[in-house]
């Protein structure tokens, strides 16, 4: 089968690799018809993680089931499924509590928790930017889709990660009807957090970034854009709220946050939120932060390379703020969000800028990594040809 393979920093090739196959009676094999390039893939693409050369990338996957293991009872061959990026067993202590993002069974390192497709430090599993994907515990991990799945793949594929992840940010921030919310980051996850805050009934949502094309997307959703190259988000929000600040906020950037001049500062968005959110407000952090950053010493400093991020904890403590962190437990949200899509209440495909074939993955990574104008979200079609620009 063909797959997008990481060969080293900023080098992805599309080549033949061994076919995915059933390895356990609970496995299923999915023919991947739609898979996304995620901002988290860029951390690996840039060599800023421990991701091994020779592995297949891709953790946002949707496709058609072509084979099931002997113990699979619910999922059927021929059906369309979308796959949470979290690989979970459904049986361990964490999964029983709905914390599938921290599954103890699928992570082979006893001191760690959580597994994912094609992701650094989250198990040996291959990614789905390929023609076929092995899915462990298929009955538990695969979310079945309805009759409209084939026609609405660019909506449903967002259930694999970024839609639930953006929603998780608003859940941890306790966004409720009437709230005033600020989102740092207008990349795909930031746009989904903006979208989720509005779906949850927030009265006013600000989205802060320095990429004009992405800010335009946020404005189209109904958010108030803040260009951080021109304005200080905390000042904008405080001026609009009698000096108090937003009720809550979402961090959707992560440890490679950088200013408009390109200088990296892992604490940039966290400190912006602490300043922007009012006393006793809530902050949800879904941007990726890692305990080790191999490129961090050169890009930022020795402490940042060890995951030690300088934040204004004194101000956060003084303001009595609460902060929720971590990857999203996708299964907690994906069924309800699927039904919003099916019912016409949500259309997360608004974020898609390009639909391309798998063979175009190397070029897509280059453009997406460079944050080139208009490259908001890239969708790949391993078993069919993309149609270039979607919008």
Protein backbone atom coordinates (compact mmCIF):
# COMPACT_ATOMS: atom_id res chain seq x y z
CA UNK A 1 0.00 0.00 0.00
CA UNK A 2 1.03 3.62 -0.47
CA UNK A 3 1.68 5.82 2.57
CA UNK A 4 3.11 9.20 3.60
CA UNK A 5 6.29 8.33 5.49
CA UNK A 6 8.40 10.57 7.73
CA UNK A 7 12.04 10.37 6.61
CA UNK A 8 13.53 13.08 8.83
CA UNK A 9 13.03 16.79 9.56
CA UNK A 10 10.93 18.41 6.84
CA UNK A 11 11.10 15.31 4.64
CA UNK A 12 7.98 13.29 3.83
CA UNK A 13 7.87 10.78 1.00
CA UNK A 14 4.99 8.78 -0.43
CA UNK A 15 6.03 5.20 -1.07
CA UNK A 16 5.03 1.56 -0.85
CA UNK A 17 4.95 0.04 2.64
CA UNK A 18 3.61 -3.33 3.88
CA UNK A 19 -0.18 -3.58 3.86
CA UNK A 20 -1.99 -3.09 7.15
CA UNK A 21 -3.28 -6.44 8.39
CA UNK A 22 -5.32 -7.98 11.19
CA UNK A 23 -3.04 -8.66 14.18
CA UNK A 24 -5.64 -9.29 16.89
CA UNK A 25 -9.20 -10.68 16.79
CA UNK A 26 -10.58 -7.24 17.79
CA UNK A 27 -8.85 -5.40 14.91
CA UNK A 28 -10.48 -3.96 11.84
CA UNK A 29 -8.86 -2.78 8.60
CA UNK A 30 -10.10 0.48 7.12
CA UNK A 31 -9.56 1.68 3.56
CA UNK A 32 -8.75 5.33 4.22
CA UNK A 33 -10.70 7.62 1.92
CA UNK A 34 -10.11 10.90 3.79
CA UNK A 35 -7.28 11.88 6.15
CA UNK A 36 -6.09 15.27 7.36
CA UNK A 37 -2.75 16.91 7.98
CA UNK A 38 -2.87 18.23 11.54
CA UNK A 39 -0.92 21.00 13.18
CA UNK A 40 0.40 18.34 15.56
CA UNK A 41 1.90 16.53 12.56
CA UNK A 42 4.02 19.61 11.97
CA UNK A 43 5.80 19.21 15.32
CA UNK A 44 7.01 15.82 14.06
CA UNK A 45 7.59 17.07 10.51
CA UNK A 46 9.89 19.79 11.82
CA UNK A 47 11.92 17.32 13.88
CA UNK A 48 10.73 18.75 17.19
CA UNK A 49 9.74 15.35 18.65
CA UNK A 50 11.13 11.84 19.02
CA UNK A 51 9.13 10.55 16.03
CA UNK A 52 11.10 7.82 14.28
CA UNK A 53 12.09 7.93 10.61
CA UNK A 54 10.24 5.36 8.52
CA UNK A 55 6.88 5.68 10.28
CA UNK A 56 3.63 6.61 8.59
CA UNK A 57 2.02 9.88 9.66
CA UNK A 58 -1.65 10.73 10.14
CA UNK A 59 -4.05 10.59 13.08
CA UNK A 60 -7.20 12.22 11.59
CA UNK A 61 -8.73 9.37 9.63
CA UNK A 62 -11.99 8.29 7.99
CA UNK A 63 -12.74 5.45 5.64
CA UNK A 64 -14.57 2.28 4.71
CA UNK A 65 -14.19 -0.99 6.60
CA UNK A 66 -12.74 -3.73 4.38
CA UNK A 67 -11.92 -6.45 6.94
CA UNK A 68 -12.85 -7.30 10.53
CA UNK A 69 -11.28 -9.61 13.10
CA UNK A 70 -13.03 -12.70 14.38
CA UNK A 71 -14.04 -10.99 17.67
CA UNK A 72 -15.58 -7.90 16.05
CA UNK A 73 -19.35 -7.81 16.46
CA UNK A 74 -20.63 -4.30 15.79
CA UNK A 75 -18.59 -2.84 12.94
CA UNK A 76 -19.35 -4.35 9.54
CA UNK A 77 -17.45 -4.58 6.29
CA UNK A 78 -18.57 -1.87 3.88
CA UNK A 79 -19.55 0.69 6.52
CA UNK A 80 -17.96 4.10 6.82
CA UNK A 81 -16.29 4.96 10.11
CA UNK A 82 -14.36 7.89 11.56
CA UNK A 83 -11.57 7.06 13.98
CA UNK A 84 -10.70 9.02 17.12
CA UNK A 85 -7.01 9.81 17.13
CA UNK A 86 -6.93 8.28 20.64
CA UNK A 87 -6.42 4.51 20.41
CA UNK A 88 -8.13 3.02 23.47
CA UNK A 89 -9.04 -0.40 24.81
CA UNK A 90 -12.31 0.54 26.51
CA UNK A 91 -11.44 -1.75 29.41
CA UNK A 92 -8.80 -0.12 31.62
CA UNK A 93 -9.31 2.19 34.59
CA UNK A 94 -8.88 5.32 32.47
CA UNK A 95 -11.22 4.17 29.71
CA UNK A 96 -13.88 3.20 32.24
CA UNK A 97 -13.85 6.84 33.39
CA UNK A 98 -14.16 8.11 29.81
CA UNK A 99 -10.50 9.16 29.71
CA UNK A 100 -9.72 7.36 26.47
CA UNK A 101 -7.00 9.94 25.83
CA UNK A 102 -5.02 8.33 28.65
CA UNK A 103 -5.62 4.63 27.96
CA UNK A 104 -3.24 2.42 29.93
CA UNK A 105 -3.53 -0.69 27.77
CA UNK A 106 -2.58 0.65 24.34
CA UNK A 107 0.43 2.63 25.57
CA UNK A 108 3.27 0.09 25.78
CA UNK A 109 5.43 2.17 28.12
CA UNK A 110 4.23 1.42 31.68
CA UNK A 111 5.13 4.89 32.95
CA UNK A 112 3.05 6.63 30.27
CA UNK A 113 -0.61 6.74 29.23
CA UNK A 114 -2.38 7.38 25.95
CA UNK A 115 -1.91 6.07 22.42
CA UNK A 116 -2.50 7.44 18.93
CA UNK A 117 -1.97 6.71 15.26
CA UNK A 118 1.32 7.92 13.82
CA UNK A 119 2.25 10.07 16.81
CA UNK A 120 5.46 10.53 18.80
CA UNK A 121 5.63 8.80 22.20
CA UNK A 122 2.11 7.41 21.82
CA UNK A 123 2.82 3.83 20.88
CA UNK A 124 4.11 2.03 17.76
CA UNK A 125 0.94 2.44 15.72
CA UNK A 126 1.16 3.49 12.08
CA UNK A 127 -0.71 6.53 10.84
CA UNK A 128 -3.59 6.80 8.43
CA UNK A 129 -2.07 8.94 5.69
CA UNK A 130 -2.07 5.70 3.78
CA UNK A 131 -4.36 3.51 1.72
CA UNK A 132 -5.10 1.15 4.63
CA UNK A 133 -5.08 1.44 8.42
CA UNK A 134 -5.19 -1.17 11.17
CA UNK A 135 -7.58 -0.10 13.94
CA UNK A 136 -7.21 -1.92 17.28
CA UNK A 137 -10.41 -2.66 19.23
CA UNK A 138 -12.47 -1.68 16.24
CA UNK A 139 -15.87 -2.06 17.91
CA UNK A 140 -14.83 0.45 20.56
CA UNK A 141 -12.73 2.90 18.58
CA UNK A 142 -14.62 3.21 15.29
CA UNK A 143 -17.55 5.63 15.20
CA UNK A 144 -20.04 4.43 12.61
CA UNK A 145 -21.43 6.95 10.17
CA UNK A 146 -24.74 7.22 8.36
CA UNK A 147 -25.78 7.00 4.74
CA UNK A 148 -24.46 10.48 3.99
CA UNK A 149 -20.89 9.58 5.00
CA UNK A 150 -19.42 9.24 1.50
CA UNK A 151 -20.77 12.62 0.40
CA UNK A 152 -19.88 14.50 3.61
CA UNK A 153 -16.45 13.11 4.38
CA UNK A 154 -14.83 16.51 4.87
CA UNK A 155 -17.32 17.24 7.65
CA UNK A 156 -17.18 13.87 9.38
CA UNK A 157 -13.38 13.50 9.24
CA UNK A 158 -13.11 16.49 11.58
CA UNK A 159 -14.56 14.22 14.29
CA UNK A 160 -11.26 12.33 14.39
CA UNK A 161 -9.54 15.18 16.20
CA UNK A 162 -9.92 18.90 15.65
CA UNK A 163 -13.68 19.33 16.17
CA UNK A 164 -13.73 17.36 19.46
CA UNK A 165 -10.41 18.96 20.46
CA UNK A 166 -11.73 22.48 19.92
CA UNK A 167 -14.88 21.51 21.77
CA UNK A 168 -12.79 20.04 24.61
CA UNK A 169 -11.05 23.41 25.01
CA UNK A 170 -14.42 25.09 25.52
CA UNK A 171 -15.50 22.31 27.90
CA UNK A 172 -12.43 22.79 30.09
CA UNK A 173 -12.99 26.55 29.93
CA UNK A 174 -16.63 26.01 30.98
CA UNK A 175 -18.03 28.14 28.16
CA UNK A 176 -21.77 28.62 28.61
CA UNK A 177 -24.54 30.69 27.03
CA UNK A 178 -23.95 34.41 27.35
CA UNK A 179 -20.22 34.11 28.06
CA UNK A 180 -17.48 36.26 26.63
CA UNK A 181 -14.66 34.01 25.44
CA UNK A 182 -11.22 34.58 23.97
CA UNK A 183 -9.44 31.98 21.83
CA UNK A 184 -5.70 32.21 21.23
CA UNK A 185 -4.87 30.67 17.87
CA UNK A 186 -6.78 30.72 14.58
CA UNK A 187 -5.33 27.56 13.15
CA UNK A 188 -7.66 24.60 12.57
CA UNK A 189 -8.06 23.79 16.29
CA UNK A 190 -8.44 27.43 17.25
CA UNK A 191 -11.11 27.86 14.62
CA UNK A 192 -12.90 24.78 15.97
CA UNK A 193 -12.70 26.19 19.51
CA UNK A 194 -14.14 29.45 18.19
CA UNK A 195 -16.88 27.52 16.39
CA UNK A 196 -17.59 25.41 19.49
CA UNK A 197 -17.83 28.44 21.76
CA UNK A 198 -20.41 29.93 19.43
CA UNK A 199 -22.29 26.61 19.23
CA UNK A 200 -22.36 26.55 23.03
CA UNK A 201 -24.02 29.97 23.07
CA UNK A 202 -21.17 32.33 23.91
CA UNK A 203 -22.37 35.88 23.42
CA UNK A 204 -19.06 37.27 22.22
CA UNK A 205 -15.94 35.42 21.05
CA UNK A 206 -12.57 36.98 20.24
CA UNK A 207 -9.99 35.03 18.23
CA UNK A 208 -6.35 36.16 18.41
CA UNK A 209 -3.67 35.35 15.83
CA UNK A 210 -1.33 37.14 13.44
CA UNK A 211 -2.30 35.23 10.27
CA UNK A 212 -4.80 37.45 8.38
CA UNK A 213 -6.28 34.64 6.26
CA UNK A 214 -7.06 32.57 9.34
CA UNK A 215 -8.49 35.56 11.17
CA UNK A 216 -10.84 36.10 8.23
CA UNK A 217 -12.13 32.56 8.75
CA UNK A 218 -12.82 33.36 12.41
CA UNK A 219 -14.64 36.53 11.46
CA UNK A 220 -16.79 34.61 8.97
CA UNK A 221 -17.89 32.40 11.86
CA UNK A 222 -19.04 35.43 13.83
CA UNK A 223 -15.98 35.96 16.04
CA UNK A 224 -14.17 39.25 16.62
CA UNK A 225 -10.67 38.91 15.15
CA UNK A 226 -7.64 40.32 16.96
CA UNK A 227 -4.49 40.64 14.87
CA UNK A 228 -1.68 40.22 17.40
CA UNK A 229 0.71 41.99 15.04
CA UNK A 230 -1.33 45.15 15.56
CA UNK A 231 -3.14 44.80 18.91
CA UNK A 232 -2.63 43.39 22.39
CA UNK A 233 -5.46 40.88 22.93
CA UNK A 234 -5.68 41.54 26.68
CA UNK A 235 -6.08 45.27 26.10
CA UNK A 236 -8.76 44.71 23.44
CA UNK A 237 -10.77 42.38 25.66
CA UNK A 238 -10.43 44.49 28.81
CA UNK A 239 -11.50 47.63 26.96
CA UNK A 240 -14.66 45.81 25.85
CA UNK A 241 -15.44 44.42 29.32
CA UNK A 242 -15.05 47.41 31.66
CA UNK A 243 -11.51 46.32 32.44
CA UNK A 244 -12.56 42.92 33.76
CA UNK A 245 -11.51 40.58 30.96
CA UNK A 246 -13.17 37.60 29.28
CA UNK A 247 -15.15 35.04 31.26
CA UNK A 248 -12.95 32.26 29.92
CA UNK A 249 -10.40 31.43 27.27
CA UNK A 250 -8.88 28.67 25.14
CA UNK A 251 -5.24 28.01 24.26
CA UNK A 252 -5.00 26.39 20.83
CA UNK A 253 -1.38 27.01 19.82
CA UNK A 254 1.04 25.07 22.04
CA UNK A 255 4.73 25.09 22.82
CA UNK A 256 5.86 26.47 19.47
CA UNK A 257 3.87 29.69 19.91
CA UNK A 258 5.67 32.58 18.28
CA UNK A 259 5.23 36.29 17.82
CA UNK A 260 4.57 37.98 14.46
CA UNK A 261 8.34 38.29 13.94
CA UNK A 262 8.74 34.52 14.26
CA UNK A 263 10.38 34.45 17.70
CA UNK A 264 9.30 31.38 19.65
CA UNK A 265 7.98 31.72 23.19
CA UNK A 266 6.26 28.69 24.72
CA UNK A 267 4.60 30.89 27.36
CA UNK A 268 3.32 33.53 24.95
CA UNK A 269 -0.29 32.39 24.59
CA UNK A 270 -0.60 31.08 28.14
CA UNK A 271 0.48 34.44 29.54
CA UNK A 272 -1.83 36.20 27.11
CA UNK A 273 -4.76 34.19 28.44
CA UNK A 274 -3.85 34.75 32.09
CA UNK A 275 -3.85 38.47 31.36
CA UNK A 276 -7.02 38.41 29.22
CA UNK A 277 -9.28 36.27 31.42
CA UNK A 278 -10.97 37.82 34.44
CA UNK A 279 -10.59 36.94 38.10
CA UNK A 280 -11.86 33.37 38.81
CA UNK A 281 -12.13 32.68 35.07
CA UNK A 282 -11.41 29.36 33.37
CA UNK A 283 -8.76 28.48 30.79
CA UNK A 284 -8.76 25.36 28.58
CA UNK A 285 -5.41 24.36 27.06
CA UNK A 286 -5.44 21.94 24.11
CA UNK A 287 -2.39 23.28 22.29
CA UNK A 288 0.38 20.66 22.44
CA UNK A 289 3.02 21.00 25.18
CA UNK A 290 5.67 18.30 25.61
CA UNK A 291 8.03 17.29 28.42
CA UNK A 292 10.91 17.07 25.93
CA UNK A 293 11.43 19.27 22.89
CA UNK A 294 14.57 18.21 20.96
CA UNK A 295 14.63 21.47 19.03
CA UNK A 296 13.66 23.65 21.97
CA UNK A 297 17.13 24.54 23.23
CA UNK A 298 18.09 26.18 19.95
CA UNK A 299 14.68 27.73 19.28
CA UNK A 300 13.95 28.94 22.82
CA UNK A 301 16.19 27.78 25.67
CA UNK A 302 17.36 24.87 27.81
CA UNK A 303 14.36 25.04 30.15
CA UNK A 304 11.86 25.04 27.29
CA UNK A 305 13.64 21.98 25.82
CA UNK A 306 12.68 20.20 29.05
CA UNK A 307 9.05 21.33 28.87
CA UNK A 308 9.54 23.97 31.57
CA UNK A 309 7.46 26.88 30.33
CA UNK A 310 7.78 30.29 32.02
CA UNK A 311 4.27 31.47 32.82
CA UNK A 312 2.98 34.21 35.09
CA UNK A 313 1.73 31.83 37.74
CA UNK A 314 1.73 34.61 40.31
CA UNK A 315 -0.89 36.55 38.35
CA UNK A 316 -2.85 33.38 37.66
CA UNK A 317 -2.87 32.52 41.36
CA UNK A 318 -3.74 36.09 42.32
CA UNK A 319 -6.69 36.05 39.93
CA UNK A 320 -7.92 32.67 41.18
CA UNK A 321 -8.08 31.25 37.68
CA UNK A 322 -8.49 27.57 36.86
CA UNK A 323 -6.71 25.82 33.99
CA UNK A 324 -7.62 22.53 32.34
CA UNK A 325 -5.03 20.84 30.12
CA UNK A 326 -4.38 17.85 27.91
CA UNK A 327 -5.43 16.04 24.78
CA UNK A 328 -9.12 15.58 24.10
CA UNK A 329 -10.93 12.35 25.00
CA UNK A 330 -12.48 12.27 21.53
CA UNK A 331 -15.06 9.58 22.30
CA UNK A 332 -16.59 11.80 24.98
CA UNK A 333 -17.78 14.20 22.29
CA UNK A 334 -17.67 12.61 18.84
CA UNK A 335 -21.08 10.92 18.86
CA UNK A 336 -22.95 14.09 19.83
CA UNK A 337 -20.92 16.19 17.39
CA UNK A 338 -21.58 13.63 14.66
CA UNK A 339 -25.28 14.04 15.24
CA UNK A 340 -24.98 17.83 15.01
CA UNK A 341 -23.34 17.36 11.60
CA UNK A 342 -25.94 14.82 10.46
CA UNK A 343 -28.75 17.14 11.56
CA UNK A 344 -27.32 20.12 9.72
CA UNK A 345 -26.50 22.02 12.92
CA UNK A 346 -22.71 21.92 12.38
CA UNK A 347 -20.52 22.02 9.29
CA UNK A 348 -16.87 21.85 10.37
CA UNK A 349 -15.64 21.46 6.79
CA UNK A 350 -15.64 25.28 6.62
CA UNK A 351 -12.00 25.01 7.72
CA UNK A 352 -10.87 23.01 4.66
CA UNK A 353 -8.81 24.91 2.12
CA UNK A 354 -7.34 22.04 0.04
CA UNK A 355 -8.37 18.53 -0.96
CA UNK A 356 -5.42 16.67 -2.47
CA UNK A 357 -4.31 13.18 -3.45
CA UNK A 358 -1.97 11.22 -1.19
CA UNK A 359 0.86 11.70 -3.69
CA UNK A 360 0.67 15.45 -3.08
CA UNK A 361 1.36 15.05 0.66
CA UNK A 362 5.02 16.23 0.51
CA UNK A 363 4.05 19.51 -1.15
CA UNK A 364 1.08 19.91 1.19
CA UNK A 365 3.33 19.54 4.24
CA UNK A 366 5.66 22.22 2.90
CA UNK A 367 2.88 24.75 2.35
CA UNK A 368 1.02 23.99 5.57
CA UNK A 369 4.22 24.15 7.63
CA UNK A 370 5.11 27.51 6.09
CA UNK A 371 1.61 28.84 6.98
CA UNK A 372 1.32 29.98 3.38
CA UNK A 373 -1.62 32.21 2.55
CA UNK A 374 -4.81 30.20 2.19
CA UNK A 375 -3.44 26.88 3.48
CA UNK A 376 -5.84 26.57 6.41
CA UNK A 377 -6.54 22.83 6.49
CA UNK A 378 -5.37 20.11 4.12
CA UNK A 379 -7.40 16.97 3.42
CA UNK A 380 -5.79 14.02 1.63
CA UNK A 381 -7.62 11.29 -0.28
CA UNK A 382 -5.43 8.15 -0.36
CA UNK A 383 -7.89 6.11 -2.43
CA UNK A 384 -8.90 8.78 -4.90
CA UNK A 385 -7.78 12.07 -6.33
CA UNK A 386 -8.20 15.40 -4.60
CA UNK A 387 -9.68 18.34 -6.41
CA UNK A 388 -7.16 21.02 -5.43
CA UNK A 389 -8.58 24.11 -3.80
CA UNK A 390 -11.89 23.51 -2.07
CA UNK A 391 -12.59 27.19 -1.72
